[in-house]
Amino acid sequence: MTTISNAEFDDVFDGQPLMAIFRGLGVERSLELAERAWGLGIDVVELPIQTEADLEALRVVAAAGRASGRLVGAGTVVSVRHVELAASAGAAFTVSPGFDPVVSRASAEAGMPPLPGVATASEVQAAMATGLTWLKAFPASLLGSGWFPAMAGPFPAARFVATGGMDASNAAEFLARGVRAVAVGSALDDPAQLPALAALLAE
């Protein structure tokens, strides 16, 4: 069986410790917050696709991202059909809550590097056995920051994006424990958190 690669994320997250996620906010609000993220210096944005409205928001934000040289991906991709919809909406990559090798392979073959979700050593091992090195740790806040150095022992080549329950109050802690990037959502809609997020980008 041929391996799957998502090494493209080496470049995507180079110098990018934060990724923004905007779930179910509609076209206008998604675009507004994406532009806020880009203005802060968060170049990587994910929009989960669970409804037709989500797909339309992805189309609009992805087009705006391409126009300004930013990458916009599709999230909550859990089927081959979702991969097809993500591609048709212009997504640059896909993100999944769990690891499904069929979905990951379909995404890679469609030209969108997949970022599958993991929460156990078995899932990390299974994903890496297919060739994937970038993994979404979900739900990160429940796994805890100590999970990441523990996984680094047996899986030193794994690159983790911490997702779920992440904001300005805990992002720095997770980054300090070896996480390559932290995905934040509602934090970008909280003016009190914006200075702290901007400080993380400046480090």
N, C-alpha and C. Protein backbone atom coordinates (compact mmCIF):
# COMPACT_ATOMS: atom_id res chain seq x y z
N MET A 1 0.84 -1.20 0.00
CA MET A 1 0.00 0.00 0.00
C MET A 1 0.88 1.25 0.00
N THR A 2 0.59 2.14 -0.92
CA THR A 2 1.38 3.37 -0.97
C THR A 2 1.06 4.26 0.23
N THR A 3 2.07 4.99 0.64
CA THR A 3 1.89 5.86 1.80
C THR A 3 1.20 7.16 1.41
N ILE A 4 0.68 7.83 2.43
CA ILE A 4 0.06 9.15 2.26
C ILE A 4 1.01 10.15 2.91
N SER A 5 1.15 11.31 2.30
CA SER A 5 1.99 12.34 2.91
C SER A 5 1.18 13.60 3.19
N ASN A 6 1.46 14.23 4.31
CA ASN A 6 0.93 15.58 4.55
C ASN A 6 2.08 16.51 4.95
N ALA A 7 3.25 16.23 4.36
CA ALA A 7 4.44 17.03 4.66
C ALA A 7 4.29 18.48 4.23
N GLU A 8 3.27 18.77 3.41
CA GLU A 8 3.02 20.16 3.02
C GLU A 8 2.80 21.06 4.24
N PHE A 9 2.33 20.46 5.33
CA PHE A 9 2.10 21.26 6.54
C PHE A 9 3.41 21.77 7.15
N ASP A 10 4.54 21.19 6.76
CA ASP A 10 5.83 21.74 7.21
C ASP A 10 5.92 23.21 6.82
N ASP A 11 5.49 23.51 5.60
CA ASP A 11 5.52 24.89 5.11
C ASP A 11 4.32 25.69 5.62
N VAL A 12 3.16 25.04 5.68
CA VAL A 12 1.94 25.74 6.12
C VAL A 12 2.12 26.32 7.52
N PHE A 13 2.70 25.53 8.43
CA PHE A 13 2.83 25.96 9.82
C PHE A 13 4.21 26.50 10.16
N ASP A 14 5.04 26.73 9.15
CA ASP A 14 6.35 27.32 9.39
C ASP A 14 6.17 28.76 9.88
N GLY A 15 6.54 29.02 11.13
CA GLY A 15 6.37 30.35 11.71
C GLY A 15 4.93 30.71 12.01
N GLN A 16 4.05 29.70 12.02
CA GLN A 16 2.62 29.92 12.29
C GLN A 16 2.19 29.09 13.49
N PRO A 17 2.30 29.62 14.71
CA PRO A 17 1.93 28.83 15.88
C PRO A 17 0.42 28.77 16.13
N LEU A 18 -0.36 29.54 15.37
CA LEU A 18 -1.81 29.56 15.57
C LEU A 18 -2.55 29.27 14.27
N MET A 19 -3.67 28.58 14.41
CA MET A 19 -4.63 28.40 13.32
C MET A 19 -6.00 28.83 13.84
N ALA A 20 -6.79 29.44 12.98
CA ALA A 20 -8.12 29.89 13.38
C ALA A 20 -9.18 28.93 12.87
N ILE A 21 -10.19 28.65 13.70
CA ILE A 21 -11.32 27.80 13.32
C ILE A 21 -12.60 28.58 13.52
N PHE A 22 -13.43 28.65 12.48
CA PHE A 22 -14.71 29.35 12.57
C PHE A 22 -15.82 28.39 12.17
N ARG A 23 -16.60 27.95 13.15
CA ARG A 23 -17.61 26.91 12.94
C ARG A 23 -19.01 27.51 12.90
N GLY A 24 -19.72 27.27 11.79
CA GLY A 24 -21.14 27.58 11.69
C GLY A 24 -21.51 29.04 11.88
N LEU A 25 -20.67 29.94 11.39
CA LEU A 25 -20.91 31.37 11.61
C LEU A 25 -21.52 32.08 10.42
N GLY A 26 -21.71 31.38 9.32
CA GLY A 26 -22.28 32.02 8.14
C GLY A 26 -21.20 32.77 7.35
N VAL A 27 -21.59 33.24 6.17
CA VAL A 27 -20.63 33.85 5.26
C VAL A 27 -20.03 35.13 5.83
N GLU A 28 -20.88 36.07 6.20
CA GLU A 28 -20.40 37.39 6.59
C GLU A 28 -19.52 37.35 7.83
N ARG A 29 -19.98 36.64 8.85
CA ARG A 29 -19.23 36.59 10.10
C ARG A 29 -17.93 35.80 9.93
N SER A 30 -17.99 34.72 9.16
CA SER A 30 -16.78 33.93 8.91
C SER A 30 -15.73 34.76 8.20
N LEU A 31 -16.16 35.53 7.20
CA LEU A 31 -15.22 36.37 6.46
C LEU A 31 -14.67 37.48 7.35
N GLU A 32 -15.54 38.05 8.18
CA GLU A 32 -15.10 39.12 9.08
C GLU A 32 -14.02 38.61 10.04
N LEU A 33 -14.26 37.44 10.64
CA LEU A 33 -13.29 36.92 11.60
C LEU A 33 -12.03 36.39 10.91
N ALA A 34 -12.18 35.87 9.70
CA ALA A 34 -11.00 35.44 8.95
C ALA A 34 -10.10 36.64 8.67
N GLU A 35 -10.70 37.73 8.28
CA GLU A 35 -9.91 38.93 8.00
C GLU A 35 -9.28 39.47 9.29
N ARG A 36 -9.96 39.30 10.41
CA ARG A 36 -9.37 39.70 11.70
C ARG A 36 -8.16 38.83 12.00
N ALA A 37 -8.31 37.52 11.77
CA ALA A 37 -7.19 36.60 12.00
C ALA A 37 -6.01 36.97 11.10
N TRP A 38 -6.27 37.19 9.83
CA TRP A 38 -5.20 37.54 8.89
C TRP A 38 -4.53 38.85 9.31
N GLY A 39 -5.33 39.77 9.80
CA GLY A 39 -4.77 41.04 10.25
C GLY A 39 -3.83 40.88 11.44
N LEU A 40 -4.13 39.89 12.29
CA LEU A 40 -3.27 39.60 13.44
C LEU A 40 -1.99 38.88 13.04
N GLY A 41 -2.04 38.23 11.88
CA GLY A 41 -0.90 37.43 11.45
C GLY A 41 -1.16 35.95 11.47
N ILE A 42 -2.41 35.54 11.71
CA ILE A 42 -2.79 34.13 11.65
C ILE A 42 -3.21 33.84 10.21
N ASP A 43 -2.32 33.21 9.46
CA ASP A 43 -2.56 33.03 8.02
C ASP A 43 -3.36 31.78 7.69
N VAL A 44 -3.49 30.85 8.64
CA VAL A 44 -4.14 29.56 8.38
C VAL A 44 -5.51 29.53 9.05
N VAL A 45 -6.54 29.29 8.24
CA VAL A 45 -7.93 29.31 8.72
C VAL A 45 -8.63 28.02 8.33
N GLU A 46 -9.44 27.51 9.23
CA GLU A 46 -10.24 26.30 8.97
C GLU A 46 -11.71 26.62 9.17
N LEU A 47 -12.54 26.18 8.23
CA LEU A 47 -14.00 26.29 8.36
C LEU A 47 -14.61 24.89 8.28
N PRO A 48 -15.12 24.37 9.39
CA PRO A 48 -15.80 23.08 9.35
C PRO A 48 -16.99 23.11 8.38
N ILE A 49 -17.22 22.00 7.68
CA ILE A 49 -18.31 21.93 6.70
C ILE A 49 -19.32 20.88 7.14
N GLN A 50 -20.39 21.34 7.75
CA GLN A 50 -21.44 20.43 8.21
C GLN A 50 -22.81 20.77 7.62
N THR A 51 -22.93 21.92 6.97
CA THR A 51 -24.20 22.33 6.36
C THR A 51 -23.91 23.02 5.03
N GLU A 52 -24.96 23.23 4.25
CA GLU A 52 -24.81 23.97 2.99
C GLU A 52 -24.30 25.38 3.25
N ALA A 53 -24.77 25.98 4.34
CA ALA A 53 -24.31 27.34 4.68
C ALA A 53 -22.82 27.33 4.99
N ASP A 54 -22.34 26.28 5.63
CA ASP A 54 -20.90 26.16 5.91
C ASP A 54 -20.10 26.10 4.61
N LEU A 55 -20.62 25.35 3.63
CA LEU A 55 -19.91 25.22 2.36
C LEU A 55 -19.83 26.56 1.64
N GLU A 56 -20.92 27.32 1.70
CA GLU A 56 -20.90 28.64 1.06
C GLU A 56 -19.90 29.56 1.75
N ALA A 57 -19.86 29.50 3.08
CA ALA A 57 -18.88 30.30 3.82
C ALA A 57 -17.47 29.89 3.43
N LEU A 58 -17.24 28.58 3.27
CA LEU A 58 -15.92 28.11 2.88
C LEU A 58 -15.56 28.64 1.49
N ARG A 59 -16.50 28.60 0.56
CA ARG A 59 -16.23 29.10 -0.79
C ARG A 59 -15.78 30.56 -0.75
N VAL A 60 -16.49 31.37 0.02
CA VAL A 60 -16.21 32.80 0.06
C VAL A 60 -14.88 33.07 0.76
N VAL A 61 -14.68 32.45 1.91
CA VAL A 61 -13.46 32.70 2.67
C VAL A 61 -12.24 32.13 1.94
N ALA A 62 -12.39 30.97 1.32
CA ALA A 62 -11.28 30.38 0.57
C ALA A 62 -10.88 31.28 -0.59
N ALA A 63 -11.86 31.86 -1.27
CA ALA A 63 -11.56 32.77 -2.38
C ALA A 63 -10.84 34.01 -1.88
N ALA A 64 -11.29 34.54 -0.74
CA ALA A 64 -10.63 35.71 -0.16
C ALA A 64 -9.22 35.36 0.27
N GLY A 65 -9.05 34.15 0.80
CA GLY A 65 -7.73 33.70 1.21
C GLY A 65 -6.77 33.59 0.04
N ARG A 66 -7.24 32.99 -1.05
CA ARG A 66 -6.38 32.85 -2.22
C ARG A 66 -5.97 34.22 -2.75
N ALA A 67 -6.88 35.17 -2.70
CA ALA A 67 -6.58 36.50 -3.21
C ALA A 67 -5.51 37.21 -2.40
N SER A 68 -5.37 36.82 -1.13
CA SER A 68 -4.39 37.49 -0.27
C SER A 68 -3.25 36.56 0.14
N GLY A 69 -3.17 35.38 -0.51
CA GLY A 69 -2.07 34.46 -0.24
C GLY A 69 -2.19 33.70 1.06
N ARG A 70 -3.42 33.52 1.55
CA ARG A 70 -3.64 32.75 2.79
C ARG A 70 -4.31 31.41 2.47
N LEU A 71 -4.09 30.44 3.37
CA LEU A 71 -4.64 29.11 3.18
C LEU A 71 -5.89 28.91 4.02
N VAL A 72 -6.93 28.40 3.39
CA VAL A 72 -8.20 28.12 4.07
C VAL A 72 -8.55 26.66 3.85
N GLY A 73 -8.77 25.93 4.93
CA GLY A 73 -9.08 24.52 4.84
C GLY A 73 -10.50 24.20 5.28
N ALA A 74 -10.91 22.98 4.98
CA ALA A 74 -12.22 22.48 5.38
C ALA A 74 -12.07 21.58 6.59
N GLY A 75 -12.91 21.79 7.60
CA GLY A 75 -12.86 20.99 8.80
C GLY A 75 -14.04 20.04 8.93
N THR A 76 -13.95 19.15 9.91
CA THR A 76 -14.97 18.12 10.16
C THR A 76 -15.23 17.32 8.89
N VAL A 77 -14.14 16.95 8.22
CA VAL A 77 -14.22 16.14 7.01
C VAL A 77 -14.16 14.68 7.42
N VAL A 78 -15.30 13.99 7.31
CA VAL A 78 -15.39 12.63 7.84
C VAL A 78 -15.82 11.60 6.80
N SER A 79 -15.86 11.99 5.54
CA SER A 79 -16.26 11.06 4.48
C SER A 79 -15.62 11.48 3.17
N VAL A 80 -15.60 10.56 2.22
CA VAL A 80 -15.08 10.89 0.89
C VAL A 80 -15.95 11.97 0.25
N ARG A 81 -17.23 11.94 0.51
CA ARG A 81 -18.12 12.98 -0.01
C ARG A 81 -17.72 14.35 0.52
N HIS A 82 -17.37 14.42 1.79
CA HIS A 82 -16.90 15.68 2.36
C HIS A 82 -15.63 16.15 1.66
N VAL A 83 -14.76 15.22 1.32
CA VAL A 83 -13.54 15.57 0.58
C VAL A 83 -13.91 16.21 -0.75
N GLU A 84 -14.86 15.62 -1.45
CA GLU A 84 -15.29 16.16 -2.74
C GLU A 84 -15.89 17.55 -2.58
N LEU A 85 -16.69 17.74 -1.55
CA LEU A 85 -17.30 19.05 -1.32
C LEU A 85 -16.25 20.08 -0.95
N ALA A 86 -15.28 19.67 -0.14
CA ALA A 86 -14.21 20.59 0.25
C ALA A 86 -13.42 21.04 -0.97
N ALA A 87 -13.12 20.09 -1.86
CA ALA A 87 -12.36 20.43 -3.07
C ALA A 87 -13.15 21.38 -3.95
N SER A 88 -14.46 21.12 -4.08
CA SER A 88 -15.28 21.97 -4.95
C SER A 88 -15.42 23.39 -4.39
N ALA A 89 -15.28 23.52 -3.07
CA ALA A 89 -15.38 24.84 -2.44
C ALA A 89 -14.06 25.58 -2.40
N GLY A 90 -12.99 24.93 -2.86
CA GLY A 90 -11.71 25.61 -2.93
C GLY A 90 -10.82 25.46 -1.72
N ALA A 91 -11.07 24.44 -0.89
CA ALA A 91 -10.25 24.25 0.31
C ALA A 91 -8.82 23.89 -0.07
N ALA A 92 -7.87 24.37 0.72
CA ALA A 92 -6.46 24.08 0.48
C ALA A 92 -6.01 22.83 1.22
N PHE A 93 -6.74 22.45 2.28
CA PHE A 93 -6.41 21.27 3.07
C PHE A 93 -7.67 20.81 3.77
N THR A 94 -7.62 19.62 4.37
CA THR A 94 -8.76 19.13 5.15
C THR A 94 -8.33 18.79 6.56
N VAL A 95 -9.28 18.89 7.48
CA VAL A 95 -9.06 18.55 8.88
C VAL A 95 -10.19 17.62 9.32
N SER A 96 -9.85 16.57 10.06
CA SER A 96 -10.86 15.62 10.52
C SER A 96 -10.76 15.45 12.03
N PRO A 97 -11.89 15.13 12.69
CA PRO A 97 -11.85 14.91 14.15
C PRO A 97 -11.18 13.61 14.53
N GLY A 98 -11.18 12.64 13.61
CA GLY A 98 -10.55 11.34 13.85
C GLY A 98 -9.73 10.93 12.65
N PHE A 99 -9.15 9.72 12.72
CA PHE A 99 -8.32 9.22 11.64
C PHE A 99 -9.04 8.14 10.86
N ASP A 100 -9.28 8.40 9.57
CA ASP A 100 -9.84 7.43 8.64
C ASP A 100 -8.91 7.40 7.44
N PRO A 101 -8.17 6.31 7.24
CA PRO A 101 -7.20 6.28 6.15
C PRO A 101 -7.83 6.47 4.78
N VAL A 102 -9.08 6.05 4.61
CA VAL A 102 -9.75 6.23 3.32
C VAL A 102 -9.98 7.72 3.05
N VAL A 103 -10.44 8.43 4.06
CA VAL A 103 -10.68 9.86 3.91
C VAL A 103 -9.36 10.60 3.72
N SER A 104 -8.35 10.25 4.50
CA SER A 104 -7.05 10.90 4.37
C SER A 104 -6.47 10.69 2.97
N ARG A 105 -6.57 9.47 2.46
CA ARG A 105 -6.03 9.18 1.13
C ARG A 105 -6.79 9.96 0.05
N ALA A 106 -8.11 9.99 0.16
CA ALA A 106 -8.92 10.71 -0.83
C ALA A 106 -8.57 12.18 -0.83
N SER A 107 -8.34 12.73 0.35
CA SER A 107 -7.98 14.14 0.44
C SER A 107 -6.63 14.41 -0.21
N ALA A 108 -5.63 13.57 0.10
CA ALA A 108 -4.31 13.74 -0.48
C ALA A 108 -4.36 13.60 -2.00
N GLU A 109 -5.14 12.64 -2.49
CA GLU A 109 -5.24 12.44 -3.93
C GLU A 109 -5.95 13.60 -4.62
N ALA A 110 -6.77 14.33 -3.87
CA ALA A 110 -7.46 15.50 -4.41
C ALA A 110 -6.61 16.76 -4.31
N GLY A 111 -5.37 16.61 -3.82
CA GLY A 111 -4.48 17.75 -3.73
C GLY A 111 -4.62 18.58 -2.47
N MET A 112 -5.30 18.02 -1.47
CA MET A 112 -5.49 18.71 -0.20
C MET A 112 -4.84 17.89 0.91
N PRO A 113 -3.72 18.33 1.48
CA PRO A 113 -3.12 17.55 2.56
C PRO A 113 -4.10 17.35 3.71
N PRO A 114 -4.23 16.13 4.23
CA PRO A 114 -5.17 15.86 5.31
C PRO A 114 -4.52 16.03 6.68
N LEU A 115 -5.29 16.55 7.62
CA LEU A 115 -4.84 16.66 9.01
C LEU A 115 -5.81 15.85 9.85
N PRO A 116 -5.52 14.57 10.09
CA PRO A 116 -6.46 13.72 10.82
C PRO A 116 -6.35 13.92 12.33
N GLY A 117 -7.44 13.64 13.01
CA GLY A 117 -7.47 13.77 14.46
C GLY A 117 -7.02 12.50 15.16
N VAL A 118 -6.31 12.67 16.28
CA VAL A 118 -5.88 11.54 17.10
C VAL A 118 -6.02 11.91 18.57
N ALA A 119 -6.15 10.88 19.40
CA ALA A 119 -6.24 11.12 20.85
C ALA A 119 -5.57 10.02 21.66
N THR A 120 -5.02 9.01 20.97
CA THR A 120 -4.37 7.90 21.67
C THR A 120 -3.09 7.52 20.94
N ALA A 121 -2.22 6.80 21.64
CA ALA A 121 -0.99 6.31 21.02
C ALA A 121 -1.30 5.38 19.86
N SER A 122 -2.35 4.59 19.97
CA SER A 122 -2.72 3.67 18.88
C SER A 122 -3.10 4.45 17.63
N GLU A 123 -3.82 5.53 17.80
CA GLU A 123 -4.23 6.34 16.64
C GLU A 123 -3.03 7.06 16.03
N VAL A 124 -2.13 7.56 16.87
CA VAL A 124 -0.92 8.19 16.36
C VAL A 124 -0.11 7.18 15.55
N GLN A 125 0.06 5.99 16.09
CA GLN A 125 0.83 4.95 15.42
C GLN A 125 0.18 4.57 14.09
N ALA A 126 -1.14 4.42 14.09
CA ALA A 126 -1.84 4.03 12.86
C ALA A 126 -1.71 5.10 11.79
N ALA A 127 -1.87 6.36 12.17
CA ALA A 127 -1.78 7.45 11.21
C ALA A 127 -0.36 7.56 10.65
N MET A 128 0.62 7.46 11.53
CA MET A 128 2.00 7.58 11.08
C MET A 128 2.43 6.39 10.22
N ALA A 129 1.82 5.24 10.44
CA ALA A 129 2.14 4.06 9.63
C ALA A 129 1.74 4.27 8.18
N THR A 130 0.78 5.14 7.93
CA THR A 130 0.37 5.44 6.56
C THR A 130 1.25 6.51 5.92
N GLY A 131 2.12 7.15 6.72
CA GLY A 131 3.00 8.17 6.20
C GLY A 131 2.69 9.57 6.68
N LEU A 132 1.61 9.74 7.44
CA LEU A 132 1.20 11.06 7.91
C LEU A 132 2.03 11.46 9.13
N THR A 133 2.57 12.66 9.11
CA THR A 133 3.39 13.13 10.23
C THR A 133 2.73 14.28 10.99
N TRP A 134 1.85 15.02 10.34
CA TRP A 134 1.12 16.11 11.00
C TRP A 134 -0.24 15.59 11.45
N LEU A 135 -0.54 15.76 12.74
CA LEU A 135 -1.75 15.20 13.32
C LEU A 135 -2.45 16.23 14.19
N LYS A 136 -3.76 16.19 14.17
CA LYS A 136 -4.57 17.06 15.02
C LYS A 136 -4.85 16.33 16.33
N ALA A 137 -4.38 16.87 17.44
CA ALA A 137 -4.66 16.29 18.74
C ALA A 137 -5.98 16.86 19.25
N PHE A 138 -6.97 16.00 19.40
CA PHE A 138 -8.32 16.45 19.74
C PHE A 138 -9.01 15.46 20.68
N PRO A 139 -9.66 15.95 21.74
CA PRO A 139 -9.74 17.35 22.20
C PRO A 139 -8.55 17.69 23.11
N ALA A 140 -7.76 18.64 22.68
CA ALA A 140 -6.47 18.91 23.33
C ALA A 140 -6.60 19.31 24.79
N SER A 141 -7.60 20.14 25.10
CA SER A 141 -7.71 20.61 26.49
C SER A 141 -8.01 19.46 27.44
N LEU A 142 -8.70 18.44 26.97
CA LEU A 142 -8.99 17.27 27.80
C LEU A 142 -7.81 16.32 27.84
N LEU A 143 -7.05 16.25 26.76
CA LEU A 143 -5.84 15.42 26.77
C LEU A 143 -4.82 16.00 27.74
N GLY A 144 -4.73 17.34 27.79
CA GLY A 144 -3.79 18.01 28.68
C GLY A 144 -2.44 18.23 28.01
N SER A 145 -1.74 19.26 28.43
CA SER A 145 -0.46 19.59 27.78
C SER A 145 0.59 18.51 27.99
N GLY A 146 0.47 17.73 29.07
CA GLY A 146 1.44 16.66 29.32
C GLY A 146 1.37 15.51 28.35
N TRP A 147 0.25 15.41 27.61
CA TRP A 147 0.08 14.34 26.63
C TRP A 147 1.14 14.45 25.53
N PHE A 148 1.53 15.67 25.19
CA PHE A 148 2.39 15.88 24.03
C PHE A 148 3.83 15.44 24.24
N PRO A 149 4.49 15.80 25.34
CA PRO A 149 5.82 15.24 25.54
C PRO A 149 5.79 13.73 25.75
N ALA A 150 4.68 13.20 26.28
CA ALA A 150 4.56 11.76 26.42
C ALA A 150 4.54 11.08 25.06
N MET A 151 3.84 11.68 24.08
CA MET A 151 3.79 11.11 22.73
C MET A 151 5.11 11.31 21.99
N ALA A 152 5.84 12.36 22.35
CA ALA A 152 7.10 12.64 21.65
C ALA A 152 8.14 11.56 21.88
N GLY A 153 8.04 10.83 23.00
CA GLY A 153 8.99 9.76 23.26
C GLY A 153 8.93 8.67 22.21
N PRO A 154 7.79 8.00 22.06
CA PRO A 154 7.71 6.93 21.05
C PRO A 154 7.53 7.43 19.62
N PHE A 155 7.06 8.68 19.47
CA PHE A 155 6.77 9.20 18.13
C PHE A 155 7.45 10.55 17.91
N PRO A 156 8.79 10.57 17.86
CA PRO A 156 9.50 11.85 17.76
C PRO A 156 9.24 12.60 16.46
N ALA A 157 8.78 11.90 15.42
CA ALA A 157 8.54 12.56 14.13
C ALA A 157 7.14 13.16 14.03
N ALA A 158 6.30 12.91 15.03
CA ALA A 158 4.93 13.44 14.98
C ALA A 158 4.93 14.95 15.19
N ARG A 159 4.08 15.63 14.46
CA ARG A 159 3.90 17.08 14.57
C ARG A 159 2.43 17.32 14.91
N PHE A 160 2.18 17.92 16.07
CA PHE A 160 0.81 18.03 16.55
C PHE A 160 0.26 19.46 16.46
N VAL A 161 -1.00 19.53 16.04
CA VAL A 161 -1.79 20.76 16.11
C VAL A 161 -2.84 20.54 17.20
N ALA A 162 -2.74 21.30 18.28
CA ALA A 162 -3.65 21.13 19.42
C ALA A 162 -4.98 21.83 19.12
N THR A 163 -6.06 21.08 19.20
CA THR A 163 -7.38 21.60 18.85
C THR A 163 -8.41 21.17 19.89
N GLY A 164 -9.29 22.09 20.24
CA GLY A 164 -10.35 21.78 21.19
C GLY A 164 -10.08 22.39 22.55
N GLY A 165 -10.82 23.45 22.89
CA GLY A 165 -10.66 24.11 24.19
C GLY A 165 -9.43 24.99 24.29
N MET A 166 -8.90 25.41 23.15
CA MET A 166 -7.70 26.23 23.15
C MET A 166 -8.05 27.72 23.04
N ASP A 167 -7.36 28.54 23.83
CA ASP A 167 -7.53 29.99 23.75
C ASP A 167 -6.27 30.66 24.26
N ALA A 168 -6.34 31.98 24.45
CA ALA A 168 -5.16 32.73 24.87
C ALA A 168 -4.66 32.32 26.25
N SER A 169 -5.53 31.72 27.07
CA SER A 169 -5.14 31.39 28.44
C SER A 169 -4.27 30.13 28.51
N ASN A 170 -4.35 29.26 27.51
CA ASN A 170 -3.59 28.00 27.60
C ASN A 170 -2.72 27.72 26.38
N ALA A 171 -2.81 28.52 25.34
CA ALA A 171 -2.06 28.25 24.11
C ALA A 171 -0.55 28.21 24.37
N ALA A 172 -0.05 29.16 25.13
CA ALA A 172 1.40 29.23 25.37
C ALA A 172 1.89 27.98 26.10
N GLU A 173 1.10 27.48 27.04
CA GLU A 173 1.49 26.28 27.78
C GLU A 173 1.64 25.09 26.85
N PHE A 174 0.69 24.93 25.93
CA PHE A 174 0.74 23.80 25.01
C PHE A 174 1.88 23.95 24.02
N LEU A 175 2.13 25.16 23.54
CA LEU A 175 3.25 25.38 22.63
C LEU A 175 4.58 25.07 23.32
N ALA A 176 4.64 25.39 24.61
CA ALA A 176 5.88 25.14 25.36
C ALA A 176 6.12 23.66 25.58
N ARG A 177 5.06 22.85 25.47
CA ARG A 177 5.21 21.40 25.68
C ARG A 177 5.42 20.64 24.37
N GLY A 178 5.67 21.36 23.30
CA GLY A 178 6.03 20.70 22.06
C GLY A 178 5.01 20.73 20.95
N VAL A 179 3.84 21.33 21.19
CA VAL A 179 2.84 21.46 20.14
C VAL A 179 3.36 22.39 19.06
N ARG A 180 3.16 22.04 17.80
CA ARG A 180 3.65 22.88 16.70
C ARG A 180 2.73 24.04 16.40
N ALA A 181 1.43 23.86 16.63
CA ALA A 181 0.45 24.93 16.41
C ALA A 181 -0.76 24.68 17.30
N VAL A 182 -1.46 25.76 17.60
CA VAL A 182 -2.68 25.70 18.41
C VAL A 182 -3.82 26.29 17.60
N ALA A 183 -4.95 25.59 17.56
CA ALA A 183 -6.12 26.07 16.84
C ALA A 183 -7.07 26.78 17.80
N VAL A 184 -7.39 28.01 17.49
CA VAL A 184 -8.28 28.81 18.33
C VAL A 184 -9.50 29.24 17.52
N GLY A 185 -10.63 29.40 18.20
CA GLY A 185 -11.84 29.81 17.52
C GLY A 185 -12.46 31.03 18.14
N SER A 186 -13.27 30.81 19.20
CA SER A 186 -14.00 31.91 19.82
C SER A 186 -13.07 32.96 20.42
N ALA A 187 -11.82 32.60 20.67
CA ALA A 187 -10.87 33.56 21.23
C ALA A 187 -10.71 34.77 20.32
N LEU A 188 -10.88 34.57 19.02
CA LEU A 188 -10.72 35.68 18.08
C LEU A 188 -11.91 36.62 18.09
N ASP A 189 -12.98 36.20 18.77
CA ASP A 189 -14.16 37.05 18.90
C ASP A 189 -14.20 37.72 20.26
N ASP A 190 -13.11 37.60 21.01
CA ASP A 190 -13.01 38.17 22.37
C ASP A 190 -11.91 39.23 22.39
N PRO A 191 -12.28 40.50 22.40
CA PRO A 191 -11.27 41.56 22.36
C PRO A 191 -10.23 41.44 23.47
N ALA A 192 -10.62 40.86 24.61
CA ALA A 192 -9.69 40.75 25.73
C ALA A 192 -8.55 39.78 25.42
N GLN A 193 -8.80 38.81 24.52
CA GLN A 193 -7.79 37.80 24.22
C GLN A 193 -6.88 38.18 23.06
N LEU A 194 -7.27 39.16 22.26
CA LEU A 194 -6.51 39.49 21.06
C LEU A 194 -5.07 39.91 21.34
N PRO A 195 -4.81 40.75 22.36
CA PRO A 195 -3.41 41.12 22.62
C PRO A 195 -2.54 39.92 22.96
N ALA A 196 -3.08 38.96 23.74
CA ALA A 196 -2.30 37.78 24.11
C ALA A 196 -2.03 36.90 22.90
N LEU A 197 -3.02 36.78 22.01
CA LEU A 197 -2.80 35.99 20.80
C LEU A 197 -1.76 36.67 19.90
N ALA A 198 -1.84 37.98 19.80
CA ALA A 198 -0.86 38.71 19.00
C ALA A 198 0.55 38.54 19.57
N ALA A 199 0.65 38.48 20.90
CA ALA A 199 1.96 38.30 21.54
C ALA A 199 2.55 36.94 21.21
N LEU A 200 1.70 35.91 21.12
CA LEU A 200 2.18 34.58 20.75
C LEU A 200 2.77 34.58 19.34
N LEU A 201 2.14 35.34 18.46
CA LEU A 201 2.61 35.41 17.08
C LEU A 201 3.91 36.16 16.97
N ALA A 202 4.16 37.04 17.93
CA ALA A 202 5.37 37.89 17.87
C ALA A 202 6.59 37.19 18.46
N GLU A 203 6.37 36.06 19.14
CA GLU A 203 7.50 35.37 19.79
C GLU A 203 8.40 34.67 18.78
